[in-house]
Amino acid sequence: MSRSKSSIFFIGVLVAALVLTSCGTGGNAPAAGQVAAPTAGAAAAPSTGPWKIAYVPTQIGQPVTLAWGKGLESVFKQNPSVAYQAFDGQMKADNQVTIIEDLINQGYSLIVLQPVDAAALSAVVQKAESKGIPVITLNTPVQAKHTAVVQMADTEAGYAVGVEMCKQLGNQGNVAIIQSPPGAILGVNREKGFREALAKVCPDVKIVGAQNGEWNKDKAIAIMNAFLQSNDKLDGVFAVNDIMAEGAMVAAESAGRLDQVKIWGANGQSSALKLIEEGKLAGTAYNDSIAQGMVAGNLAMYLLTGGGGPSDAPSTGVIKISPFAATKETVNQIPESGRW
């Protein structure tokens, strides 16, 4: 399904019933997503703006945050009543808290947030919503109830990686995990799904190590070096994002053991897809992050033009984007327009 059709479908879901639904292409092709739509706030008079919308990712400049920004901008630039600005969280929860406090004081209309830490950002998100400012999180929801999260189906992504790695290893061997920070629920759930797949599909595969790579390539290189030094036989590694997977690849290649280790990432940035095509990475859980940004942008406009504030639903609305296991055999199914 194309991005435009996915966005139209999503808005249709919101307007028609705001109920659980899904869409996708089936088979092995990349799917558009599975949607559990948030319930809108109380009815209000339609609004025509103007609106100020902020985007606060963990760090501006990373492939996935740039892709989300591209998707958001493609929606907001269609409406001249939107003033849109991105703010750099610099991978620090304290920075994001300060930024959001300032946005509240400046009377922003809506905030799109990728929190560094789900717990640390909860209080300020609650404060924003109490002031009538809807907050949409990307990939990692804060712990407090808020309007919506638009995320890759994280547990499912980890599970898909586990299933594919089991096949590649012939259901036996030693594997390790390069983890996310403990407060990053997205990474925690990807690891959870991966472990569940190994336990169910290939219980003879042993997890010999797991360390926090802090979403950082250099940190992942150091961790992978340690894994290689402590394990004469290491058959697979799951790094819960592509940046860390690329770090693991660098370390394995430097040690002359890249051909011995199946290294997987998650997100599906274009540099990782290229390394898969070259045979240097075994695969990634691909997500069309530009389309994900567009879905978040369309949700923002639906909320703002409807005149409502934050959702009054009893729990956070969840919009899930279905993962796609990209391997050397399947990566060519991802078109150039879907590479970011």
C-alpha atoms as a PDB file:
ATOM      1  CA  MET A   1       0.000   0.000   0.000  1.00  0.00           C
ATOM      2  CA  SER A   2       1.323   3.453  -0.876  1.00  0.00           C
ATOM      3  CA  ARG A   3       1.972   6.110   1.723  1.00  0.00           C
ATOM      4  CA  SER A   4      -0.844   8.312   0.449  1.00  0.00           C
ATOM      5  CA  LYS A   5      -3.322   5.446   0.538  1.00  0.00           C
ATOM      6  CA  SER A   6      -2.130   4.477   4.018  1.00  0.00           C
ATOM      7  CA  SER A   7      -2.708   8.024   5.283  1.00  0.00           C
ATOM      8  CA  ILE A   8      -6.154   8.224   3.661  1.00  0.00           C
ATOM      9  CA  PHE A   9      -7.056   4.856   5.155  1.00  0.00           C
ATOM     10  CA  PHE A  10      -5.947   5.992   8.595  1.00  0.00           C
ATOM     11  CA  ILE A  11      -7.966   9.198   8.526  1.00  0.00           C
ATOM     12  CA  GLY A  12     -10.933   7.168   7.341  1.00  0.00           C
ATOM     13  CA  VAL A  13     -10.568   4.885  10.345  1.00  0.00           C
ATOM     14  CA  LEU A  14     -10.527   7.864  12.711  1.00  0.00           C
ATOM     15  CA  VAL A  15     -13.541   9.568  11.197  1.00  0.00           C
ATOM     16  CA  ALA A  16     -15.651   6.468  10.661  1.00  0.00           C
ATOM     17  CA  ALA A  17     -15.450   4.625  13.944  1.00  0.00           C
ATOM     18  CA  LEU A  18     -12.187   5.082  15.865  1.00  0.00           C
ATOM     19  CA  VAL A  19     -11.951   1.319  16.353  1.00  0.00           C
ATOM     20  CA  LEU A  20      -9.358  -1.394  16.024  1.00  0.00           C
ATOM     21  CA  THR A  21      -8.613  -2.214  12.388  1.00  0.00           C
ATOM     22  CA  SER A  22      -5.711  -3.156  10.162  1.00  0.00           C
ATOM     23  CA  CYS A  23      -4.328  -2.915   6.681  1.00  0.00           C
ATOM     24  CA  GLY A  24      -1.408  -4.464   4.856  1.00  0.00           C
ATOM     25  CA  THR A  25      -0.276  -6.270   1.776  1.00  0.00           C
ATOM     26  CA  GLY A  26       0.181  -9.690   3.350  1.00  0.00           C
ATOM     27  CA  GLY A  27       2.848 -12.215   2.439  1.00  0.00           C
ATOM     28  CA  ASN A  28       6.428 -10.987   2.643  1.00  0.00           C
ATOM     29  CA  ALA A  29       5.924  -7.522   1.193  1.00  0.00           C
ATOM     30  CA  PRO A  30       6.260  -4.464   3.471  1.00  0.00           C
ATOM     31  CA  ALA A  31       2.902  -3.705   5.088  1.00  0.00           C
ATOM     32  CA  ALA A  32       1.352  -0.318   5.688  1.00  0.00           C
ATOM     33  CA  GLY A  33       0.402  -0.922   9.302  1.00  0.00           C
ATOM     34  CA  GLN A  34      -1.974  -2.151  11.935  1.00  0.00           C
ATOM     35  CA  VAL A  35      -4.007   0.585  13.578  1.00  0.00           C
ATOM     36  CA  ALA A  36      -5.561   0.794  17.011  1.00  0.00           C
ATOM     37  CA  ALA A  37      -6.921   4.299  16.666  1.00  0.00           C
ATOM     38  CA  PRO A  38      -7.085   6.718  19.589  1.00  0.00           C
ATOM     39  CA  THR A  39     -10.419   8.015  20.748  1.00  0.00           C
ATOM     40  CA  ALA A  40     -10.846  11.710  20.063  1.00  0.00           C
ATOM     41  CA  GLY A  41     -11.491  14.295  22.750  1.00  0.00           C
ATOM     42  CA  ALA A  42     -14.851  15.889  23.425  1.00  0.00           C
ATOM     43  CA  ALA A  43     -16.593  17.386  20.408  1.00  0.00           C
ATOM     44  CA  ALA A  44     -15.737  21.030  19.718  1.00  0.00           C
ATOM     45  CA  ALA A  45     -16.177  23.572  16.963  1.00  0.00           C
ATOM     46  CA  PRO A  46     -13.902  22.924  13.967  1.00  0.00           C
ATOM     47  CA  SER A  47     -10.753  25.041  13.918  1.00  0.00           C
ATOM     48  CA  THR A  48      -8.843  26.634  11.041  1.00  0.00           C
ATOM     49  CA  GLY A  49      -5.782  27.615  13.047  1.00  0.00           C
ATOM     50  CA  PRO A  50      -3.252  29.062  13.170  1.00  0.00           C
ATOM     51  CA  TRP A  51      -1.377  26.281  14.943  1.00  0.00           C
ATOM     52  CA  LYS A  52       2.149  25.862  16.254  1.00  0.00           C
ATOM     53  CA  ILE A  53       3.392  22.275  16.086  1.00  0.00           C
ATOM     54  CA  ALA A  54       6.666  21.064  17.618  1.00  0.00           C
ATOM     55  CA  TYR A  55       8.679  17.932  16.853  1.00  0.00           C
ATOM     56  CA  VAL A  56      11.035  16.859  19.656  1.00  0.00           C
ATOM     57  CA  PRO A  57      13.031  13.716  18.738  1.00  0.00           C
ATOM     58  CA  THR A  58      15.741  12.246  20.927  1.00  0.00           C
ATOM     59  CA  GLN A  59      18.360  13.643  18.567  1.00  0.00           C
ATOM     60  CA  ILE A  60      18.049  15.518  15.290  1.00  0.00           C
ATOM     61  CA  GLY A  61      20.274  14.186  12.529  1.00  0.00           C
ATOM     62  CA  GLN A  62      19.836  10.424  12.921  1.00  0.00           C
ATOM     63  CA  PRO A  63      18.348   8.631   9.902  1.00  0.00           C
ATOM     64  CA  VAL A  64      15.108   7.610  11.599  1.00  0.00           C
ATOM     65  CA  THR A  65      14.460  11.017  13.173  1.00  0.00           C
ATOM     66  CA  LEU A  66      15.157  12.698   9.829  1.00  0.00           C
ATOM     67  CA  ALA A  67      12.742  10.309   8.109  1.00  0.00           C
ATOM     68  CA  TRP A  68       9.997  11.017  10.647  1.00  0.00           C
ATOM     69  CA  GLY A  69      10.624  14.737  10.190  1.00  0.00           C
ATOM     70  CA  LYS A  70      10.345  14.383   6.419  1.00  0.00           C
ATOM     71  CA  GLY A  71       7.014  12.639   6.791  1.00  0.00           C
ATOM     72  CA  LEU A  72       5.695  15.237   9.257  1.00  0.00           C
ATOM     73  CA  GLU A  73       6.792  18.135   7.045  1.00  0.00           C
ATOM     74  CA  SER A  74       5.154  16.609   3.968  1.00  0.00           C
ATOM     75  CA  VAL A  75       1.811  16.805   5.785  1.00  0.00           C
ATOM     76  CA  PHE A  76       2.218  20.156   7.526  1.00  0.00           C
ATOM     77  CA  LYS A  77       3.477  22.051   4.467  1.00  0.00           C
ATOM     78  CA  GLN A  78       0.091  21.434   2.841  1.00  0.00           C
ATOM     79  CA  ASN A  79      -1.569  23.683   5.431  1.00  0.00           C
ATOM     80  CA  PRO A  80      -0.466  27.349   5.517  1.00  0.00           C
ATOM     81  CA  SER A  81      -1.968  27.715   9.008  1.00  0.00           C
ATOM     82  CA  VAL A  82       0.718  25.432  10.490  1.00  0.00           C
ATOM     83  CA  ALA A  83       3.949  26.828  11.932  1.00  0.00           C
ATOM     84  CA  TYR A  84       6.197  23.797  12.394  1.00  0.00           C
ATOM     85  CA  GLN A  85       9.544  23.579  14.181  1.00  0.00           C
ATOM     86  CA  ALA A  86      11.867  20.732  15.224  1.00  0.00           C
ATOM     87  CA  PHE A  87      13.892  20.800  18.450  1.00  0.00           C
ATOM     88  CA  ASP A  88      16.989  18.695  19.235  1.00  0.00           C
ATOM     89  CA  GLY A  89      16.724  16.601  22.398  1.00  0.00           C
ATOM     90  CA  GLN A  90      20.479  15.840  22.200  1.00  0.00           C
ATOM     91  CA  MET A  91      19.829  12.362  23.662  1.00  0.00           C
ATOM     92  CA  LYS A  92      19.147  13.880  27.094  1.00  0.00           C
ATOM     93  CA  ALA A  93      15.848  13.511  28.911  1.00  0.00           C
ATOM     94  CA  ASP A  94      16.501  16.710  30.876  1.00  0.00           C
ATOM     95  CA  ASN A  95      16.882  18.635  27.618  1.00  0.00           C
ATOM     96  CA  GLN A  96      13.569  17.310  26.337  1.00  0.00           C
ATOM     97  CA  VAL A  97      11.829  18.230  29.595  1.00  0.00           C
ATOM     98  CA  THR A  98      13.165  21.789  29.339  1.00  0.00           C
ATOM     99  CA  ILE A  99      12.139  22.052  25.673  1.00  0.00           C
ATOM    100  CA  ILE A 100       8.583  20.888  26.396  1.00  0.00           C
ATOM    101  CA  GLU A 101       8.268  23.257  29.359  1.00  0.00           C
ATOM    102  CA  ASP A 102       9.199  26.085  26.971  1.00  0.00           C
ATOM    103  CA  LEU A 103       6.714  24.862  24.354  1.00  0.00           C
ATOM    104  CA  ILE A 104       3.945  24.867  26.961  1.00  0.00           C
ATOM    105  CA  ASN A 105       4.848  28.416  27.971  1.00  0.00           C
ATOM    106  CA  GLN A 106       4.884  29.493  24.308  1.00  0.00           C
ATOM    107  CA  GLY A 107       1.374  28.164  23.744  1.00  0.00           C
ATOM    108  CA  TYR A 108       2.160  25.447  21.197  1.00  0.00           C
ATOM    109  CA  SER A 109      -0.875  23.661  19.786  1.00  0.00           C
ATOM    110  CA  LEU A 110       0.517  20.113  19.582  1.00  0.00           C
ATOM    111  CA  ILE A 111       3.758  18.250  20.323  1.00  0.00           C
ATOM    112  CA  VAL A 112       5.199  15.218  18.506  1.00  0.00           C
ATOM    113  CA  LEU A 113       7.742  13.571  20.826  1.00  0.00           C
ATOM    114  CA  GLN A 114      10.235  10.732  20.697  1.00  0.00           C
ATOM    115  CA  PRO A 115      11.170  10.492  24.385  1.00  0.00           C
ATOM    116  CA  VAL A 116      14.686   9.628  25.491  1.00  0.00           C
ATOM    117  CA  ASP A 117      13.246   8.041  28.637  1.00  0.00           C
ATOM    118  CA  ALA A 118       9.630   6.938  29.016  1.00  0.00           C
ATOM    119  CA  ALA A 119       9.535   7.585  32.755  1.00  0.00           C
ATOM    120  CA  ALA A 120      11.477  10.838  32.824  1.00  0.00           C
ATOM    121  CA  LEU A 121       9.207  12.522  30.250  1.00  0.00           C
ATOM    122  CA  SER A 122       5.901  11.391  31.766  1.00  0.00           C
ATOM    123  CA  ALA A 123       5.330  14.318  34.127  1.00  0.00           C
ATOM    124  CA  VAL A 124       5.967  17.046  31.556  1.00  0.00           C
ATOM    125  CA  VAL A 125       3.776  15.267  28.989  1.00  0.00           C
ATOM    126  CA  GLN A 126       0.976  15.142  31.559  1.00  0.00           C
ATOM    127  CA  LYS A 127       1.519  18.866  32.157  1.00  0.00           C
ATOM    128  CA  ALA A 128       1.260  19.621  28.425  1.00  0.00           C
ATOM    129  CA  GLU A 129      -1.959  17.662  28.067  1.00  0.00           C
ATOM    130  CA  SER A 130      -3.433  19.307  31.183  1.00  0.00           C
ATOM    131  CA  LYS A 131      -2.866  22.643  29.398  1.00  0.00           C
ATOM    132  CA  GLY A 132      -4.834  21.409  26.379  1.00  0.00           C
ATOM    133  CA  ILE A 133      -1.827  20.437  24.232  1.00  0.00           C
ATOM    134  CA  PRO A 134      -2.122  16.945  22.654  1.00  0.00           C
ATOM    135  CA  VAL A 135       1.091  14.907  22.685  1.00  0.00           C
ATOM    136  CA  ILE A 136       1.763  12.244  20.048  1.00  0.00           C
ATOM    137  CA  THR A 137       4.777  10.046  20.791  1.00  0.00           C
ATOM    138  CA  LEU A 138       6.830   8.216  18.172  1.00  0.00           C
ATOM    139  CA  ASN A 139       7.967   4.626  18.753  1.00  0.00           C
ATOM    140  CA  THR A 140       8.404   5.025  22.527  1.00  0.00           C
ATOM    141  CA  PRO A 141       5.330   6.055  24.530  1.00  0.00           C
ATOM    142  CA  VAL A 142       5.832   7.805  27.849  1.00  0.00           C
ATOM    143  CA  GLN A 143       4.489   5.909  30.843  1.00  0.00           C
ATOM    144  CA  ALA A 144       1.747   8.451  31.523  1.00  0.00           C
ATOM    145  CA  LYS A 145      -1.479   8.289  29.527  1.00  0.00           C
ATOM    146  CA  HIS A 146      -1.378  10.680  26.584  1.00  0.00           C
ATOM    147  CA  THR A 147      -3.198  11.218  23.292  1.00  0.00           C
ATOM    148  CA  ALA A 148      -1.458   8.656  21.053  1.00  0.00           C
ATOM    149  CA  VAL A 149       1.684   6.775  20.103  1.00  0.00           C
ATOM    150  CA  VAL A 150       2.590   5.951  16.491  1.00  0.00           C
ATOM    151  CA  GLN A 151       5.076   3.116  16.577  1.00  0.00           C
ATOM    152  CA  MET A 152       6.629   0.213  14.799  1.00  0.00           C
ATOM    153  CA  ALA A 153       5.048  -2.931  16.208  1.00  0.00           C
ATOM    154  CA  ASP A 154       8.100  -3.358  18.421  1.00  0.00           C
ATOM    155  CA  THR A 155       7.530  -6.749  20.053  1.00  0.00           C
ATOM    156  CA  GLU A 156       6.439  -8.151  16.697  1.00  0.00           C
ATOM    157  CA  ALA A 157       9.581  -6.721  15.074  1.00  0.00           C
ATOM    158  CA  GLY A 158      11.835  -8.459  17.583  1.00  0.00           C
ATOM    159  CA  TYR A 159       9.895 -11.678  17.149  1.00  0.00           C
ATOM    160  CA  ALA A 160      10.291 -11.509  13.364  1.00  0.00           C
ATOM    161  CA  VAL A 161      14.052 -11.055  13.762  1.00  0.00           C
ATOM    162  CA  GLY A 162      14.189 -14.069  16.063  1.00  0.00           C
ATOM    163  CA  VAL A 163      12.274 -16.280  13.641  1.00  0.00           C
ATOM    164  CA  GLU A 164      14.521 -15.324  10.715  1.00  0.00           C
ATOM    165  CA  MET A 165      17.714 -15.709  12.735  1.00  0.00           C
ATOM    166  CA  CYS A 166      16.597 -19.190  13.824  1.00  0.00           C
ATOM    167  CA  LYS A 167      16.307 -20.118  10.144  1.00  0.00           C
ATOM    168  CA  GLN A 168      19.708 -18.658   9.297  1.00  0.00           C
ATOM    169  CA  LEU A 169      21.384 -20.509  12.195  1.00  0.00           C
ATOM    170  CA  GLY A 170      19.703 -23.826  11.514  1.00  0.00           C
ATOM    171  CA  ASN A 171      18.065 -23.607  14.961  1.00  0.00           C
ATOM    172  CA  GLN A 172      21.313 -23.885  16.938  1.00  0.00           C
ATOM    173  CA  GLY A 173      24.220 -21.739  18.062  1.00  0.00           C
ATOM    174  CA  ASN A 174      25.206 -18.863  20.354  1.00  0.00           C
ATOM    175  CA  VAL A 175      23.764 -15.371  20.049  1.00  0.00           C
ATOM    176  CA  ALA A 176      24.088 -12.053  21.854  1.00  0.00           C
ATOM    177  CA  ILE A 177      21.946  -8.927  22.164  1.00  0.00           C
ATOM    178  CA  ILE A 178      23.011  -5.291  21.985  1.00  0.00           C
ATOM    179  CA  GLN A 179      20.280  -3.657  24.021  1.00  0.00           C
ATOM    180  CA  SER A 180      18.646  -0.250  24.252  1.00  0.00           C
ATOM    181  CA  PRO A 181      18.778   1.892  27.397  1.00  0.00           C
ATOM    182  CA  PRO A 182      16.490   0.436  30.106  1.00  0.00           C
ATOM    183  CA  GLY A 183      13.914   3.252  29.869  1.00  0.00           C
ATOM    184  CA  ALA A 184      13.480   2.931  26.090  1.00  0.00           C
ATOM    185  CA  ILE A 185      10.363   0.744  25.905  1.00  0.00           C
ATOM    186  CA  LEU A 186      10.689   0.315  22.136  1.00  0.00           C
ATOM    187  CA  GLY A 187      14.072  -1.401  22.475  1.00  0.00           C
ATOM    188  CA  VAL A 188      12.992  -3.338  25.548  1.00  0.00           C
ATOM    189  CA  ASN A 189      10.015  -4.736  23.638  1.00  0.00           C
ATOM    190  CA  ARG A 190      12.111  -5.581  20.582  1.00  0.00           C
ATOM    191  CA  GLU A 191      14.391  -7.612  22.833  1.00  0.00           C
ATOM    192  CA  LYS A 192      11.368  -9.224  24.489  1.00  0.00           C
ATOM    193  CA  GLY A 193       9.973 -10.321  21.118  1.00  0.00           C
ATOM    194  CA  PHE A 194      13.360 -11.661  20.042  1.00  0.00           C
ATOM    195  CA  ARG A 195      13.736 -13.726  23.208  1.00  0.00           C
ATOM    196  CA  GLU A 196      10.202 -15.064  22.837  1.00  0.00           C
ATOM    197  CA  ALA A 197      10.910 -16.201  19.274  1.00  0.00           C
ATOM    198  CA  LEU A 198      14.109 -17.998  20.252  1.00  0.00           C
ATOM    199  CA  ALA A 199      12.380 -19.751  23.151  1.00  0.00           C
ATOM    200  CA  LYS A 200       9.531 -20.908  20.929  1.00  0.00           C
ATOM    201  CA  VAL A 201      11.191 -21.554  17.568  1.00  0.00           C
ATOM    202  CA  CYS A 202      14.761 -22.549  18.377  1.00  0.00           C
ATOM    203  CA  PRO A 203      15.235 -23.295  22.097  1.00  0.00           C
ATOM    204  CA  ASP A 204      18.666 -24.822  21.391  1.00  0.00           C
ATOM    205  CA  VAL A 205      20.012 -21.370  20.499  1.00  0.00           C
ATOM    206  CA  LYS A 206      21.756 -19.962  23.578  1.00  0.00           C
ATOM    207  CA  ILE A 207      21.900 -16.263  24.488  1.00  0.00           C
ATOM    208  CA  VAL A 208      25.469 -15.759  25.731  1.00  0.00           C
ATOM    209  CA  GLY A 209      25.415 -12.032  26.418  1.00  0.00           C
ATOM    210  CA  ALA A 210      23.329  -8.857  26.494  1.00  0.00           C
ATOM    211  CA  GLN A 211      24.586  -5.303  27.046  1.00  0.00           C
ATOM    212  CA  ASN A 212      23.189  -1.787  26.693  1.00  0.00           C
ATOM    213  CA  GLY A 213      24.548  -0.131  23.547  1.00  0.00           C
ATOM    214  CA  GLU A 214      22.899   3.231  24.364  1.00  0.00           C
ATOM    215  CA  TRP A 215      21.657   3.528  20.741  1.00  0.00           C
ATOM    216  CA  ASN A 216      25.279   4.420  19.887  1.00  0.00           C
ATOM    217  CA  LYS A 217      27.516   2.996  17.131  1.00  0.00           C
ATOM    218  CA  ASP A 218      30.824   3.443  18.972  1.00  0.00           C
ATOM    219  CA  LYS A 219      29.391   1.866  22.113  1.00  0.00           C
ATOM    220  CA  ALA A 220      28.128  -1.047  20.018  1.00  0.00           C
ATOM    221  CA  ILE A 221      31.612  -1.532  18.520  1.00  0.00           C
ATOM    222  CA  ALA A 222      33.073  -1.816  22.023  1.00  0.00           C
ATOM    223  CA  ILE A 223      30.360  -4.230  23.151  1.00  0.00           C
ATOM    224  CA  MET A 224      30.748  -6.397  20.056  1.00  0.00           C
ATOM    225  CA  ASN A 225      34.508  -6.552  20.586  1.00  0.00           C
ATOM    226  CA  ALA A 226      33.851  -7.787  24.128  1.00  0.00           C
ATOM    227  CA  PHE A 227      31.361 -10.391  22.889  1.00  0.00           C
ATOM    228  CA  LEU A 228      33.871 -11.666  20.316  1.00  0.00           C
ATOM    229  CA  GLN A 229      36.699 -11.843  22.840  1.00  0.00           C
ATOM    230  CA  SER A 230      34.628 -13.768  25.378  1.00  0.00           C
ATOM    231  CA  ASN A 231      33.022 -16.155  22.879  1.00  0.00           C
ATOM    232  CA  ASP A 232      35.129 -18.257  20.521  1.00  0.00           C
ATOM    233  CA  LYS A 233      31.881 -19.256  18.860  1.00  0.00           C
ATOM    234  CA  LEU A 234      29.374 -16.448  18.301  1.00  0.00           C
ATOM    235  CA  ASP A 235      26.812 -17.164  15.607  1.00  0.00           C
ATOM    236  CA  GLY A 236      24.346 -14.304  15.796  1.00  0.00           C
ATOM    237  CA  VAL A 237      23.806 -10.819  17.211  1.00  0.00           C
ATOM    238  CA  PHE A 238      20.605  -8.811  17.460  1.00  0.00           C
ATOM    239  CA  ALA A 239      21.225  -5.094  17.886  1.00  0.00           C
ATOM    240  CA  VAL A 240      17.895  -3.448  18.612  1.00  0.00           C
ATOM    241  CA  ASN A 241      18.535  -0.625  16.149  1.00  0.00           C
ATOM    242  CA  ASP A 242      20.454  -0.363  12.877  1.00  0.00           C
ATOM    243  CA  ILE A 243      23.058   2.098  14.140  1.00  0.00           C
ATOM    244  CA  MET A 244      24.198  -0.429  16.744  1.00  0.00           C
ATOM    245  CA  ALA A 245      23.989  -3.267  14.220  1.00  0.00           C
ATOM    246  CA  GLU A 246      26.366  -1.329  11.970  1.00  0.00           C
ATOM    247  CA  GLY A 247      28.712  -0.907  14.933  1.00  0.00           C
ATOM    248  CA  ALA A 248      28.613  -4.657  15.567  1.00  0.00           C
ATOM    249  CA  MET A 249      29.381  -5.238  11.889  1.00  0.00           C
ATOM    250  CA  VAL A 250      32.432  -2.952  12.037  1.00  0.00           C
ATOM    251  CA  ALA A 251      33.809  -4.850  15.034  1.00  0.00           C
ATOM    252  CA  ALA A 252      33.166  -8.284  13.514  1.00  0.00           C
ATOM    253  CA  GLU A 253      34.734  -7.246  10.214  1.00  0.00           C
ATOM    254  CA  SER A 254      37.817  -5.862  11.979  1.00  0.00           C
ATOM    255  CA  ALA A 255      38.174  -9.123  13.886  1.00  0.00           C
ATOM    256  CA  GLY A 256      37.917 -11.165  10.676  1.00  0.00           C
ATOM    257  CA  ARG A 257      34.771 -12.910  11.901  1.00  0.00           C
ATOM    258  CA  LEU A 258      32.020 -11.188   9.940  1.00  0.00           C
ATOM    259  CA  ASP A 259      31.352 -14.297   7.854  1.00  0.00           C
ATOM    260  CA  GLN A 260      30.767 -16.271  11.071  1.00  0.00           C
ATOM    261  CA  VAL A 261      28.129 -14.014  12.675  1.00  0.00           C
ATOM    262  CA  LYS A 262      24.592 -13.227  11.520  1.00  0.00           C
ATOM    263  CA  ILE A 263      24.055  -9.605  12.591  1.00  0.00           C
ATOM    264  CA  TRP A 264      20.546  -8.131  12.663  1.00  0.00           C
ATOM    265  CA  GLY A 265      19.304  -4.624  13.308  1.00  0.00           C
ATOM    266  CA  ALA A 266      15.929  -2.897  13.418  1.00  0.00           C
ATOM    267  CA  ASN A 267      14.426   0.253  11.826  1.00  0.00           C
ATOM    268  CA  GLY A 268      15.516  -0.269   8.209  1.00  0.00           C
ATOM    269  CA  GLN A 269      17.569   2.825   7.415  1.00  0.00           C
ATOM    270  CA  SER A 270      18.998   2.938   3.891  1.00  0.00           C
ATOM    271  CA  SER A 271      22.599   2.358   5.004  1.00  0.00           C
ATOM    272  CA  ALA A 272      21.529  -0.884   6.685  1.00  0.00           C
ATOM    273  CA  LEU A 273      19.609  -1.996   3.598  1.00  0.00           C
ATOM    274  CA  LYS A 274      22.734  -1.436   1.502  1.00  0.00           C
ATOM    275  CA  LEU A 275      24.816  -3.522   3.925  1.00  0.00           C
ATOM    276  CA  ILE A 276      22.227  -6.297   3.700  1.00  0.00           C
ATOM    277  CA  GLU A 277      22.504  -6.218  -0.092  1.00  0.00           C
ATOM    278  CA  GLU A 278      26.301  -6.464   0.286  1.00  0.00           C
ATOM    279  CA  GLY A 279      25.969  -9.442   2.637  1.00  0.00           C
ATOM    280  CA  LYS A 280      27.511  -7.623   5.606  1.00  0.00           C
ATOM    281  CA  LEU A 281      24.332  -7.555   7.680  1.00  0.00           C
ATOM    282  CA  ALA A 282      22.001 -10.550   7.861  1.00  0.00           C
ATOM    283  CA  GLY A 283      18.853  -8.458   8.060  1.00  0.00           C
ATOM    284  CA  THR A 284      16.778  -5.777   9.743  1.00  0.00           C
ATOM    285  CA  ALA A 285      13.212  -5.295  10.907  1.00  0.00           C
ATOM    286  CA  TYR A 286      12.267  -2.631   8.356  1.00  0.00           C
ATOM    287  CA  ASN A 287       9.856   0.199   9.072  1.00  0.00           C
ATOM    288  CA  ASP A 288       8.807   2.877   6.559  1.00  0.00           C
ATOM    289  CA  SER A 289       9.630   5.759   8.881  1.00  0.00           C
ATOM    290  CA  ILE A 290       8.677   8.473   6.377  1.00  0.00           C
ATOM    291  CA  ALA A 291       5.193   6.946   6.200  1.00  0.00           C
ATOM    292  CA  GLN A 292       5.166   6.694   9.996  1.00  0.00           C
ATOM    293  CA  GLY A 293       5.870  10.433  10.214  1.00  0.00           C
ATOM    294  CA  MET A 294       3.051  11.070   7.738  1.00  0.00           C
ATOM    295  CA  VAL A 295       0.613   9.064   9.854  1.00  0.00           C
ATOM    296  CA  ALA A 296       1.600  11.095  12.933  1.00  0.00           C
ATOM    297  CA  GLY A 297       1.213  14.298  10.919  1.00  0.00           C
ATOM    298  CA  ASN A 298      -2.226  13.341   9.643  1.00  0.00           C
ATOM    299  CA  LEU A 299      -3.318  12.432  13.167  1.00  0.00           C
ATOM    300  CA  ALA A 300      -2.105  15.845  14.362  1.00  0.00           C
ATOM    301  CA  MET A 301      -4.136  17.632  11.699  1.00  0.00           C
ATOM    302  CA  TYR A 302      -7.197  15.513  12.423  1.00  0.00           C
ATOM    303  CA  LEU A 303      -7.025  16.499  16.090  1.00  0.00           C
ATOM    304  CA  LEU A 304      -6.373  20.196  15.429  1.00  0.00           C
ATOM    305  CA  THR A 305      -8.884  20.751  12.636  1.00  0.00           C
ATOM    306  CA  GLY A 306     -11.546  18.971  14.676  1.00  0.00           C
ATOM    307  CA  GLY A 307     -11.146  21.563  17.378  1.00  0.00           C
ATOM    308  CA  GLY A 308     -10.556  19.002  20.095  1.00  0.00           C
ATOM    309  CA  GLY A 309      -7.764  18.916  22.655  1.00  0.00           C
ATOM    310  CA  PRO A 310      -5.991  15.904  24.104  1.00  0.00           C
ATOM    311  CA  SER A 311      -7.787  12.573  23.963  1.00  0.00           C
ATOM    312  CA  ASP A 312     -10.113  11.843  26.867  1.00  0.00           C
ATOM    313  CA  ALA A 313      -9.866   8.075  26.285  1.00  0.00           C
ATOM    314  CA  PRO A 314      -8.942   6.016  29.364  1.00  0.00           C
ATOM    315  CA  SER A 315      -5.670   4.874  27.787  1.00  0.00           C
ATOM    316  CA  THR A 316      -3.163   6.032  25.198  1.00  0.00           C
ATOM    317  CA  GLY A 317      -4.242   5.438  21.589  1.00  0.00           C
ATOM    318  CA  VAL A 318      -1.891   3.104  19.726  1.00  0.00           C
ATOM    319  CA  ILE A 319      -1.133   3.124  16.010  1.00  0.00           C
ATOM    320  CA  LYS A 320       1.159   0.276  14.980  1.00  0.00           C
ATOM    321  CA  ILE A 321       3.183   0.067  11.766  1.00  0.00           C
ATOM    322  CA  SER A 322       3.771  -3.550  10.747  1.00  0.00           C
ATOM    323  CA  PRO A 323       7.434  -4.644  10.529  1.00  0.00           C
ATOM    324  CA  PHE A 324       9.001  -6.347   7.528  1.00  0.00           C
ATOM    325  CA  ALA A 325      11.936  -8.751   7.890  1.00  0.00           C
ATOM    326  CA  ALA A 326      14.385  -7.535   5.247  1.00  0.00           C
ATOM    327  CA  THR A 327      17.071 -10.051   4.288  1.00  0.00           C
ATOM    328  CA  LYS A 328      19.329 -10.365   1.256  1.00  0.00           C
ATOM    329  CA  GLU A 329      16.548 -12.392  -0.372  1.00  0.00           C
ATOM    330  CA  THR A 330      13.732  -9.910   0.361  1.00  0.00           C
ATOM    331  CA  VAL A 331      15.334  -6.452   0.614  1.00  0.00           C
ATOM    332  CA  ASN A 332      14.683  -5.767  -3.079  1.00  0.00           C
ATOM    333  CA  GLN A 333      10.966  -5.618  -2.273  1.00  0.00           C
ATOM    334  CA  ILE A 334      11.551  -2.226  -0.608  1.00  0.00           C
ATOM    335  CA  PRO A 335      11.294   0.469  -3.311  1.00  0.00           C
ATOM    336  CA  GLU A 336      13.627   3.467  -3.535  1.00  0.00           C
ATOM    337  CA  SER A 337      10.766   5.696  -2.406  1.00  0.00           C
ATOM    338  CA  GLY A 338      10.630   3.726   0.843  1.00  0.00           C
ATOM    339  CA  ARG A 339      14.344   4.039   1.617  1.00  0.00           C
ATOM    340  CA  TRP A 340      15.382   6.695   4.074  1.00  0.00           C
END
